[in-house]
Amino acid sequence: MVDHGRLFKELLSTFFIEFIDLFFPQVITYVDKNSINVLDKEIFTDVT
């Protein structure tokens, strides 16, 4: 079985700056590209 969640997290962590630039171009000017740290675990698992 393919682990889609893991693949999506890997894809997003690899291309995070490009993702922000593509979908939120107004935000990219406020992002310090050197200060982004991708966490390996979810912090909030239950948001309901």
Protein backbone atom coordinates (compact mmCIF):
# COMPACT_ATOMS: atom_id res chain seq x y z
CA MET A 1 0.00 0.00 0.00
CA VAL A 2 1.26 3.48 -0.88
CA ASP A 3 1.72 5.87 2.05
CA HIS A 4 0.23 8.99 0.50
CA GLY A 5 0.58 11.03 3.69
CA ARG A 6 4.32 10.43 3.87
CA LEU A 7 4.77 11.18 0.17
CA PHE A 8 2.80 14.43 0.46
CA LYS A 9 4.83 15.54 3.50
CA GLU A 10 8.08 14.78 1.68
CA LEU A 11 6.93 16.64 -1.42
CA LEU A 12 5.76 19.66 0.56
CA SER A 13 8.89 19.81 2.70
CA THR A 14 11.09 19.62 -0.41
CA PHE A 15 9.22 22.28 -2.36
CA PHE A 16 7.73 24.41 0.46
CA ILE A 17 9.08 27.75 -0.77
CA GLU A 18 7.92 27.03 -4.31
CA PHE A 19 4.49 26.00 -2.97
CA ILE A 20 4.11 29.26 -1.03
CA ASP A 21 5.33 31.26 -4.02
CA LEU A 22 2.83 29.55 -6.35
CA PHE A 23 -0.29 29.56 -4.17
CA PHE A 24 0.38 32.56 -1.89
CA PRO A 25 2.54 35.02 -3.84
CA GLN A 26 1.69 37.89 -1.48
CA VAL A 27 3.04 35.95 1.51
CA ILE A 28 6.42 35.00 0.02
CA THR A 29 7.78 38.52 0.56
CA TYR A 30 7.31 38.10 4.33
CA VAL A 31 8.90 34.63 4.55
CA ASP A 32 12.49 34.32 5.71
CA LYS A 33 13.57 31.33 3.65
CA ASN A 34 16.52 30.53 5.92
CA SER A 35 14.43 30.26 9.08
CA ILE A 36 12.03 27.52 7.96
CA ASN A 37 12.34 24.25 9.87
CA VAL A 38 10.21 21.31 8.78
CA LEU A 39 9.07 19.18 11.72
CA ASP A 40 8.98 15.42 11.29
CA LYS A 41 5.86 14.92 13.45
CA GLU A 42 2.48 16.58 13.73
CA ILE A 43 2.11 18.85 16.71
CA PHE A 44 -1.69 18.87 16.75
CA THR A 45 -3.29 15.54 15.94
CA ASP A 46 -6.82 16.27 17.22
CA VAL A 47 -8.18 19.67 16.26
CA THR A 48 -11.87 18.95 16.90
